[in-house]
Amino acid sequence: MGKVVEVFIHGLESSAQGTKGKFFRTRRPNMIIDDYTGSFSERMEKLEKRLSKAPKLVIVGSSYGGLMAAVYACRHPDQVKKLILLAPALHLQEFVPFRNHRLSIPTVIYHGNKDEIVPLEEVKKIATYVFLDLTHYVVEDDHALNTVFPSLPWDNLLKC
């Protein structure tokens, strides 16, 4: 049994140097935190290469990074041991081919009730169908989740 590898995937307009990337870099020094740029397929190609040798993954994905994490999990369900998705953009076209998947991967979603970028109810409906072991939290926050993010129980969340 290999060691569990923790991964953080930032959102569309963020980077590994964004607020969440910096947070994890200081608290989880072994976490994989890379920059993803370009088209969705370019981002996924980089992610696929980066994670190909890791036997067990816990992936945290924020917004577009949540979409990437969910797609990766659909493609590699035996490799992903847990997903933590922050306002994941599952409503976008890139996830349509995966909407009929049924994954038993433990998945936790945090979504702000004031999110004006990723539609809460639509994403909840999609996630409830795809992720059979889903815990979904609606929190008092906007899309970025900057208010609640630092106080989430990260040590517990990252355990699998």
N, C-alpha and C. Protein backbone atom coordinates (compact mmCIF):
# COMPACT_ATOMS: atom_id res chain seq x y z
N MET A 1 0.84 -1.19 0.00
CA MET A 1 0.00 0.00 0.00
C MET A 1 0.89 1.25 0.00
N GLY A 2 0.69 2.09 -0.99
CA GLY A 2 1.44 3.33 -1.07
C GLY A 2 0.85 4.40 -0.17
N LYS A 3 1.62 5.41 0.02
CA LYS A 3 1.22 6.55 0.83
C LYS A 3 0.14 7.36 0.10
N VAL A 4 -0.74 7.95 0.88
CA VAL A 4 -1.76 8.82 0.30
C VAL A 4 -1.12 10.16 -0.07
N VAL A 5 -1.38 10.61 -1.28
CA VAL A 5 -0.84 11.87 -1.77
C VAL A 5 -1.97 12.89 -1.79
N GLU A 6 -1.73 14.04 -1.17
CA GLU A 6 -2.71 15.12 -1.14
C GLU A 6 -2.43 16.09 -2.29
N VAL A 7 -3.52 16.54 -2.91
CA VAL A 7 -3.41 17.42 -4.09
C VAL A 7 -4.39 18.57 -3.92
N PHE A 8 -3.96 19.77 -4.30
CA PHE A 8 -4.86 20.92 -4.38
C PHE A 8 -4.86 21.44 -5.82
N ILE A 9 -6.08 21.65 -6.36
CA ILE A 9 -6.22 22.18 -7.73
C ILE A 9 -6.98 23.51 -7.63
N HIS A 10 -6.34 24.57 -8.04
CA HIS A 10 -6.91 25.92 -7.96
C HIS A 10 -7.98 26.14 -9.03
N GLY A 11 -8.68 27.26 -8.89
CA GLY A 11 -9.74 27.62 -9.82
C GLY A 11 -9.22 28.24 -11.11
N LEU A 12 -10.15 28.57 -11.99
CA LEU A 12 -9.84 29.05 -13.34
C LEU A 12 -8.95 30.28 -13.36
N GLU A 13 -9.28 31.26 -12.55
CA GLU A 13 -8.53 32.52 -12.58
C GLU A 13 -7.56 32.66 -11.41
N SER A 14 -7.30 31.57 -10.74
CA SER A 14 -6.38 31.59 -9.61
C SER A 14 -5.07 30.93 -10.03
N SER A 15 -4.24 30.62 -9.03
CA SER A 15 -2.97 29.95 -9.29
C SER A 15 -2.55 29.23 -8.02
N ALA A 16 -1.43 28.55 -8.10
CA ALA A 16 -0.88 27.89 -6.93
C ALA A 16 -0.46 28.90 -5.87
N GLN A 17 -0.32 30.18 -6.28
CA GLN A 17 0.07 31.23 -5.35
C GLN A 17 -1.14 32.00 -4.80
N GLY A 18 -2.33 31.54 -5.11
CA GLY A 18 -3.54 32.18 -4.59
C GLY A 18 -3.71 31.91 -3.10
N THR A 19 -4.77 32.46 -2.53
CA THR A 19 -5.03 32.35 -1.09
C THR A 19 -5.06 30.90 -0.62
N LYS A 20 -5.79 30.05 -1.32
CA LYS A 20 -5.91 28.66 -0.90
C LYS A 20 -4.60 27.90 -1.12
N GLY A 21 -3.93 28.16 -2.22
CA GLY A 21 -2.63 27.53 -2.46
C GLY A 21 -1.63 27.87 -1.37
N LYS A 22 -1.57 29.14 -0.99
CA LYS A 22 -0.65 29.57 0.08
C LYS A 22 -1.03 28.92 1.41
N PHE A 23 -2.34 28.86 1.68
CA PHE A 23 -2.84 28.24 2.91
C PHE A 23 -2.32 26.80 3.01
N PHE A 24 -2.52 26.02 1.95
CA PHE A 24 -2.09 24.62 1.98
C PHE A 24 -0.58 24.49 1.98
N ARG A 25 0.11 25.36 1.27
CA ARG A 25 1.57 25.27 1.19
C ARG A 25 2.19 25.41 2.59
N THR A 26 1.63 26.29 3.43
CA THR A 26 2.19 26.48 4.77
C THR A 26 1.76 25.38 5.73
N ARG A 27 0.56 24.83 5.55
CA ARG A 27 0.04 23.84 6.50
C ARG A 27 0.21 22.39 6.05
N ARG A 28 0.36 22.16 4.77
CA ARG A 28 0.49 20.80 4.22
C ARG A 28 1.67 20.82 3.24
N PRO A 29 2.90 20.89 3.75
CA PRO A 29 4.07 21.09 2.88
C PRO A 29 4.28 19.99 1.84
N ASN A 30 3.72 18.81 2.06
CA ASN A 30 3.89 17.72 1.08
C ASN A 30 2.78 17.67 0.04
N MET A 31 1.82 18.55 0.15
CA MET A 31 0.70 18.57 -0.80
C MET A 31 1.19 19.01 -2.18
N ILE A 32 0.68 18.36 -3.21
CA ILE A 32 1.00 18.76 -4.58
C ILE A 32 0.14 19.97 -4.92
N ILE A 33 0.78 21.08 -5.23
CA ILE A 33 0.10 22.33 -5.56
C ILE A 33 0.79 22.90 -6.80
N ASP A 34 0.16 22.72 -7.95
CA ASP A 34 0.75 23.18 -9.21
C ASP A 34 -0.12 24.27 -9.83
N ASP A 35 0.45 24.94 -10.81
CA ASP A 35 -0.30 25.91 -11.62
C ASP A 35 -0.88 25.19 -12.83
N TYR A 36 -2.13 25.51 -13.15
CA TYR A 36 -2.79 24.95 -14.33
C TYR A 36 -3.29 26.11 -15.18
N THR A 37 -2.85 26.14 -16.43
CA THR A 37 -3.24 27.20 -17.35
C THR A 37 -3.66 26.58 -18.68
N GLY A 38 -4.26 27.41 -19.50
CA GLY A 38 -4.65 26.95 -20.83
C GLY A 38 -6.07 26.40 -20.83
N SER A 39 -6.36 25.63 -21.87
CA SER A 39 -7.69 25.05 -22.04
C SER A 39 -7.92 23.95 -21.02
N PHE A 40 -9.16 23.51 -20.92
CA PHE A 40 -9.48 22.42 -20.01
C PHE A 40 -8.65 21.19 -20.34
N SER A 41 -8.55 20.84 -21.60
CA SER A 41 -7.80 19.63 -21.97
C SER A 41 -6.31 19.79 -21.65
N GLU A 42 -5.76 20.99 -21.81
CA GLU A 42 -4.35 21.22 -21.46
C GLU A 42 -4.14 21.08 -19.95
N ARG A 43 -5.07 21.63 -19.19
CA ARG A 43 -4.99 21.52 -17.73
C ARG A 43 -5.09 20.06 -17.30
N MET A 44 -6.03 19.33 -17.89
CA MET A 44 -6.21 17.93 -17.52
C MET A 44 -5.01 17.08 -17.93
N GLU A 45 -4.42 17.39 -19.07
CA GLU A 45 -3.23 16.66 -19.51
C GLU A 45 -2.10 16.82 -18.50
N LYS A 46 -1.89 18.04 -18.02
CA LYS A 46 -0.86 18.29 -17.01
C LYS A 46 -1.19 17.54 -15.72
N LEU A 47 -2.45 17.59 -15.30
CA LEU A 47 -2.87 16.91 -14.08
C LEU A 47 -2.67 15.39 -14.21
N GLU A 48 -3.08 14.84 -15.34
CA GLU A 48 -2.93 13.39 -15.59
C GLU A 48 -1.46 12.97 -15.47
N LYS A 49 -0.57 13.74 -16.08
CA LYS A 49 0.86 13.41 -16.03
C LYS A 49 1.39 13.51 -14.61
N ARG A 50 0.98 14.56 -13.91
CA ARG A 50 1.48 14.82 -12.55
C ARG A 50 1.06 13.74 -11.57
N LEU A 51 -0.16 13.21 -11.73
CA LEU A 51 -0.70 12.27 -10.75
C LEU A 51 -0.61 10.81 -11.17
N SER A 52 -0.07 10.54 -12.34
CA SER A 52 -0.10 9.17 -12.89
C SER A 52 0.57 8.13 -12.01
N LYS A 53 1.58 8.50 -11.25
CA LYS A 53 2.33 7.53 -10.46
C LYS A 53 1.86 7.45 -9.01
N ALA A 54 0.93 8.29 -8.61
CA ALA A 54 0.45 8.28 -7.22
C ALA A 54 -0.66 7.23 -7.07
N PRO A 55 -0.44 6.23 -6.21
CA PRO A 55 -1.43 5.15 -6.11
C PRO A 55 -2.71 5.54 -5.37
N LYS A 56 -2.60 6.46 -4.41
CA LYS A 56 -3.77 6.86 -3.62
C LYS A 56 -3.79 8.38 -3.47
N LEU A 57 -4.91 8.98 -3.83
CA LEU A 57 -5.00 10.43 -3.83
C LEU A 57 -6.17 10.94 -2.99
N VAL A 58 -5.93 12.04 -2.30
CA VAL A 58 -6.98 12.86 -1.73
C VAL A 58 -6.86 14.19 -2.46
N ILE A 59 -7.92 14.57 -3.18
CA ILE A 59 -7.85 15.76 -4.01
C ILE A 59 -8.80 16.83 -3.50
N VAL A 60 -8.28 18.04 -3.33
CA VAL A 60 -9.07 19.22 -3.01
C VAL A 60 -9.12 20.06 -4.29
N GLY A 61 -10.33 20.38 -4.76
CA GLY A 61 -10.46 21.19 -5.96
C GLY A 61 -11.39 22.35 -5.71
N SER A 62 -10.97 23.53 -6.13
CA SER A 62 -11.75 24.75 -5.94
C SER A 62 -12.31 25.24 -7.27
N SER A 63 -13.63 25.34 -7.37
CA SER A 63 -14.33 25.86 -8.53
C SER A 63 -13.97 25.07 -9.80
N TYR A 64 -13.24 25.68 -10.72
CA TYR A 64 -12.81 24.98 -11.94
C TYR A 64 -11.88 23.81 -11.57
N GLY A 65 -11.11 24.00 -10.52
CA GLY A 65 -10.27 22.92 -10.00
C GLY A 65 -11.11 21.79 -9.44
N GLY A 66 -12.30 22.11 -8.91
CA GLY A 66 -13.23 21.08 -8.46
C GLY A 66 -13.77 20.27 -9.63
N LEU A 67 -14.03 20.97 -10.73
CA LEU A 67 -14.43 20.30 -11.97
C LEU A 67 -13.31 19.35 -12.41
N MET A 68 -12.08 19.84 -12.43
CA MET A 68 -10.94 19.01 -12.82
C MET A 68 -10.80 17.79 -11.91
N ALA A 69 -10.94 18.01 -10.60
CA ALA A 69 -10.82 16.91 -9.64
C ALA A 69 -11.90 15.86 -9.88
N ALA A 70 -13.13 16.31 -10.14
CA ALA A 70 -14.25 15.39 -10.38
C ALA A 70 -14.03 14.59 -11.67
N VAL A 71 -13.57 15.24 -12.72
CA VAL A 71 -13.29 14.54 -13.97
C VAL A 71 -12.17 13.52 -13.75
N TYR A 72 -11.12 13.93 -13.04
CA TYR A 72 -10.02 13.00 -12.76
C TYR A 72 -10.54 11.78 -11.99
N ALA A 73 -11.39 12.01 -11.00
CA ALA A 73 -11.95 10.91 -10.21
C ALA A 73 -12.80 9.98 -11.08
N CYS A 74 -13.55 10.54 -12.00
CA CYS A 74 -14.36 9.71 -12.92
C CYS A 74 -13.47 8.86 -13.81
N ARG A 75 -12.35 9.41 -14.22
CA ARG A 75 -11.42 8.67 -15.08
C ARG A 75 -10.59 7.65 -14.30
N HIS A 76 -10.35 7.91 -13.02
CA HIS A 76 -9.46 7.08 -12.19
C HIS A 76 -10.09 6.78 -10.83
N PRO A 77 -11.25 6.16 -10.80
CA PRO A 77 -11.95 5.96 -9.52
C PRO A 77 -11.19 5.09 -8.52
N ASP A 78 -10.33 4.20 -8.98
CA ASP A 78 -9.58 3.36 -8.05
C ASP A 78 -8.39 4.07 -7.43
N GLN A 79 -7.97 5.15 -8.05
CA GLN A 79 -6.81 5.90 -7.57
C GLN A 79 -7.22 6.97 -6.56
N VAL A 80 -8.41 7.53 -6.72
CA VAL A 80 -8.86 8.63 -5.86
C VAL A 80 -9.58 8.05 -4.66
N LYS A 81 -9.09 8.38 -3.48
CA LYS A 81 -9.65 7.84 -2.23
C LYS A 81 -10.63 8.82 -1.58
N LYS A 82 -10.50 10.12 -1.90
CA LYS A 82 -11.42 11.11 -1.33
C LYS A 82 -11.34 12.39 -2.15
N LEU A 83 -12.49 13.07 -2.25
CA LEU A 83 -12.57 14.37 -2.91
C LEU A 83 -13.12 15.39 -1.94
N ILE A 84 -12.52 16.56 -1.92
CA ILE A 84 -13.07 17.71 -1.20
C ILE A 84 -13.21 18.80 -2.26
N LEU A 85 -14.46 19.14 -2.57
CA LEU A 85 -14.74 20.07 -3.66
C LEU A 85 -15.33 21.35 -3.11
N LEU A 86 -14.74 22.47 -3.49
CA LEU A 86 -15.16 23.79 -3.02
C LEU A 86 -15.86 24.51 -4.16
N ALA A 87 -17.19 24.62 -4.06
CA ALA A 87 -18.00 25.24 -5.12
C ALA A 87 -17.58 24.72 -6.49
N PRO A 88 -17.63 23.40 -6.69
CA PRO A 88 -17.11 22.81 -7.93
C PRO A 88 -17.98 23.16 -9.14
N ALA A 89 -17.35 23.49 -10.24
CA ALA A 89 -18.04 23.93 -11.46
C ALA A 89 -18.55 22.73 -12.28
N LEU A 90 -19.32 21.87 -11.63
CA LEU A 90 -19.82 20.66 -12.29
C LEU A 90 -20.91 20.94 -13.32
N HIS A 91 -21.40 22.17 -13.34
CA HIS A 91 -22.45 22.55 -14.28
C HIS A 91 -21.90 22.85 -15.68
N LEU A 92 -20.59 22.95 -15.80
CA LEU A 92 -19.98 23.31 -17.09
C LEU A 92 -19.99 22.13 -18.06
N GLN A 93 -19.89 22.47 -19.32
CA GLN A 93 -19.94 21.50 -20.43
C GLN A 93 -18.93 20.37 -20.27
N GLU A 94 -17.77 20.68 -19.71
CA GLU A 94 -16.71 19.68 -19.60
C GLU A 94 -17.11 18.49 -18.73
N PHE A 95 -18.11 18.67 -17.86
CA PHE A 95 -18.52 17.56 -16.99
C PHE A 95 -19.67 16.75 -17.57
N VAL A 96 -20.30 17.24 -18.63
CA VAL A 96 -21.45 16.54 -19.22
C VAL A 96 -21.15 15.07 -19.53
N PRO A 97 -19.99 14.72 -20.12
CA PRO A 97 -19.73 13.31 -20.42
C PRO A 97 -19.66 12.40 -19.18
N PHE A 98 -19.53 13.01 -18.00
CA PHE A 98 -19.35 12.23 -16.77
C PHE A 98 -20.59 12.23 -15.87
N ARG A 99 -21.64 12.88 -16.30
CA ARG A 99 -22.82 13.03 -15.44
C ARG A 99 -23.56 11.73 -15.17
N ASN A 100 -23.30 10.70 -15.95
CA ASN A 100 -23.95 9.42 -15.69
C ASN A 100 -23.06 8.45 -14.90
N HIS A 101 -21.89 8.91 -14.52
CA HIS A 101 -21.02 8.08 -13.68
C HIS A 101 -21.66 7.96 -12.29
N ARG A 102 -21.33 6.89 -11.61
CA ARG A 102 -21.78 6.68 -10.23
C ARG A 102 -20.54 6.26 -9.45
N LEU A 103 -20.02 7.17 -8.63
CA LEU A 103 -18.78 6.92 -7.91
C LEU A 103 -19.03 6.77 -6.42
N SER A 104 -18.39 5.77 -5.83
CA SER A 104 -18.54 5.56 -4.39
C SER A 104 -17.41 6.22 -3.59
N ILE A 105 -16.63 7.06 -4.22
CA ILE A 105 -15.54 7.79 -3.56
C ILE A 105 -16.15 8.75 -2.53
N PRO A 106 -15.67 8.72 -1.28
CA PRO A 106 -16.15 9.71 -0.31
C PRO A 106 -15.88 11.13 -0.84
N THR A 107 -16.94 11.92 -0.88
CA THR A 107 -16.85 13.27 -1.46
C THR A 107 -17.52 14.26 -0.52
N VAL A 108 -16.81 15.35 -0.26
CA VAL A 108 -17.33 16.43 0.57
C VAL A 108 -17.36 17.69 -0.29
N ILE A 109 -18.51 18.35 -0.30
CA ILE A 109 -18.63 19.61 -1.03
C ILE A 109 -18.99 20.72 -0.06
N TYR A 110 -18.30 21.85 -0.20
CA TYR A 110 -18.66 23.09 0.48
C TYR A 110 -19.05 24.08 -0.60
N HIS A 111 -20.21 24.70 -0.42
CA HIS A 111 -20.71 25.65 -1.41
C HIS A 111 -21.34 26.83 -0.68
N GLY A 112 -20.97 28.02 -1.07
CA GLY A 112 -21.50 29.23 -0.44
C GLY A 112 -22.92 29.54 -0.88
N ASN A 113 -23.75 29.95 0.06
CA ASN A 113 -25.15 30.28 -0.28
C ASN A 113 -25.27 31.60 -1.03
N LYS A 114 -24.18 32.34 -1.13
CA LYS A 114 -24.20 33.61 -1.87
C LYS A 114 -23.35 33.52 -3.15
N ASP A 115 -23.12 32.30 -3.61
CA ASP A 115 -22.30 32.07 -4.80
C ASP A 115 -23.06 32.57 -6.03
N GLU A 116 -22.46 33.52 -6.74
CA GLU A 116 -23.08 34.07 -7.95
C GLU A 116 -22.36 33.59 -9.21
N ILE A 117 -21.43 32.64 -9.06
CA ILE A 117 -20.65 32.15 -10.19
C ILE A 117 -21.01 30.71 -10.53
N VAL A 118 -21.05 29.85 -9.53
CA VAL A 118 -21.40 28.44 -9.73
C VAL A 118 -22.77 28.20 -9.08
N PRO A 119 -23.76 27.78 -9.86
CA PRO A 119 -25.12 27.63 -9.35
C PRO A 119 -25.25 26.48 -8.33
N LEU A 120 -25.54 26.85 -7.11
CA LEU A 120 -25.61 25.91 -5.99
C LEU A 120 -26.55 24.73 -6.24
N GLU A 121 -27.80 24.99 -6.57
CA GLU A 121 -28.78 23.91 -6.70
C GLU A 121 -28.48 22.98 -7.88
N GLU A 122 -28.05 23.54 -9.00
CA GLU A 122 -27.72 22.71 -10.16
C GLU A 122 -26.56 21.78 -9.85
N VAL A 123 -25.52 22.33 -9.22
CA VAL A 123 -24.34 21.53 -8.89
C VAL A 123 -24.71 20.47 -7.84
N LYS A 124 -25.53 20.84 -6.88
CA LYS A 124 -25.94 19.87 -5.85
C LYS A 124 -26.68 18.69 -6.49
N LYS A 125 -27.54 18.97 -7.43
CA LYS A 125 -28.30 17.92 -8.11
C LYS A 125 -27.36 16.98 -8.87
N ILE A 126 -26.43 17.55 -9.61
CA ILE A 126 -25.46 16.74 -10.37
C ILE A 126 -24.61 15.90 -9.41
N ALA A 127 -24.08 16.55 -8.37
CA ALA A 127 -23.20 15.87 -7.42
C ALA A 127 -23.92 14.76 -6.68
N THR A 128 -25.17 14.98 -6.32
CA THR A 128 -25.95 13.97 -5.60
C THR A 128 -26.13 12.71 -6.44
N TYR A 129 -26.25 12.88 -7.73
CA TYR A 129 -26.38 11.72 -8.62
C TYR A 129 -25.05 11.00 -8.80
N VAL A 130 -23.98 11.75 -9.07
CA VAL A 130 -22.69 11.15 -9.43
C VAL A 130 -21.97 10.56 -8.21
N PHE A 131 -21.99 11.27 -7.09
CA PHE A 131 -21.21 10.85 -5.92
C PHE A 131 -22.12 10.17 -4.91
N LEU A 132 -21.98 8.86 -4.80
CA LEU A 132 -22.87 8.06 -3.95
C LEU A 132 -22.59 8.25 -2.46
N ASP A 133 -21.36 8.66 -2.13
CA ASP A 133 -20.95 8.88 -0.74
C ASP A 133 -20.66 10.37 -0.57
N LEU A 134 -21.72 11.18 -0.65
CA LEU A 134 -21.58 12.64 -0.67
C LEU A 134 -22.04 13.28 0.63
N THR A 135 -21.20 14.20 1.12
CA THR A 135 -21.59 15.09 2.21
C THR A 135 -21.54 16.49 1.62
N HIS A 136 -22.67 17.18 1.64
CA HIS A 136 -22.79 18.49 0.99
C HIS A 136 -23.13 19.55 2.03
N TYR A 137 -22.26 20.55 2.15
CA TYR A 137 -22.47 21.64 3.10
C TYR A 137 -22.75 22.93 2.35
N VAL A 138 -23.83 23.59 2.72
CA VAL A 138 -24.10 24.94 2.23
C VAL A 138 -23.70 25.87 3.37
N VAL A 139 -22.77 26.78 3.07
CA VAL A 139 -22.23 27.65 4.11
C VAL A 139 -22.52 29.11 3.80
N GLU A 140 -22.44 29.93 4.81
CA GLU A 140 -22.69 31.37 4.71
C GLU A 140 -21.45 32.03 4.10
N ASP A 141 -21.42 32.11 2.77
CA ASP A 141 -20.25 32.64 2.09
C ASP A 141 -20.58 32.83 0.60
N ASP A 142 -19.62 33.43 -0.13
CA ASP A 142 -19.79 33.59 -1.57
C ASP A 142 -18.99 32.51 -2.29
N HIS A 143 -18.77 32.72 -3.57
CA HIS A 143 -18.10 31.68 -4.38
C HIS A 143 -16.70 31.33 -3.89
N ALA A 144 -15.92 32.32 -3.54
CA ALA A 144 -14.52 32.08 -3.16
C ALA A 144 -14.38 31.35 -1.83
N LEU A 145 -15.41 31.39 -1.01
CA LEU A 145 -15.40 30.73 0.30
C LEU A 145 -14.29 31.25 1.20
N ASN A 146 -13.83 32.47 0.98
CA ASN A 146 -12.72 33.01 1.76
C ASN A 146 -13.03 33.17 3.25
N THR A 147 -14.31 33.33 3.59
CA THR A 147 -14.67 33.49 5.00
C THR A 147 -14.56 32.17 5.74
N VAL A 148 -15.12 31.11 5.18
CA VAL A 148 -15.14 29.82 5.89
C VAL A 148 -13.92 28.94 5.61
N PHE A 149 -13.29 29.11 4.46
CA PHE A 149 -12.19 28.23 4.06
C PHE A 149 -11.13 28.01 5.14
N PRO A 150 -10.57 29.07 5.73
CA PRO A 150 -9.49 28.85 6.70
C PRO A 150 -9.94 28.07 7.94
N SER A 151 -11.22 28.14 8.27
CA SER A 151 -11.68 27.49 9.50
C SER A 151 -12.28 26.10 9.27
N LEU A 152 -12.25 25.61 8.05
CA LEU A 152 -12.74 24.25 7.80
C LEU A 152 -11.83 23.24 8.50
N PRO A 153 -12.37 22.10 8.91
CA PRO A 153 -11.57 21.10 9.66
C PRO A 153 -10.64 20.31 8.73
N TRP A 154 -9.60 20.97 8.23
CA TRP A 154 -8.77 20.38 7.19
C TRP A 154 -8.09 19.08 7.59
N ASP A 155 -7.62 18.96 8.83
CA ASP A 155 -6.98 17.71 9.22
C ASP A 155 -7.95 16.54 9.09
N ASN A 156 -9.18 16.73 9.52
CA ASN A 156 -10.20 15.69 9.39
C ASN A 156 -10.60 15.47 7.94
N LEU A 157 -10.80 16.56 7.21
CA LEU A 157 -11.24 16.45 5.82
C LEU A 157 -10.24 15.68 4.96
N LEU A 158 -8.98 15.87 5.21
CA LEU A 158 -7.94 15.25 4.38
C LEU A 158 -7.64 13.81 4.75
N LYS A 159 -8.23 13.33 5.83
CA LYS A 159 -8.07 11.91 6.20
C LYS A 159 -8.92 11.06 5.29
N CYS A 160 -8.42 9.87 4.98
CA CYS A 160 -9.26 8.95 4.22
C CYS A 160 -9.23 7.57 4.83
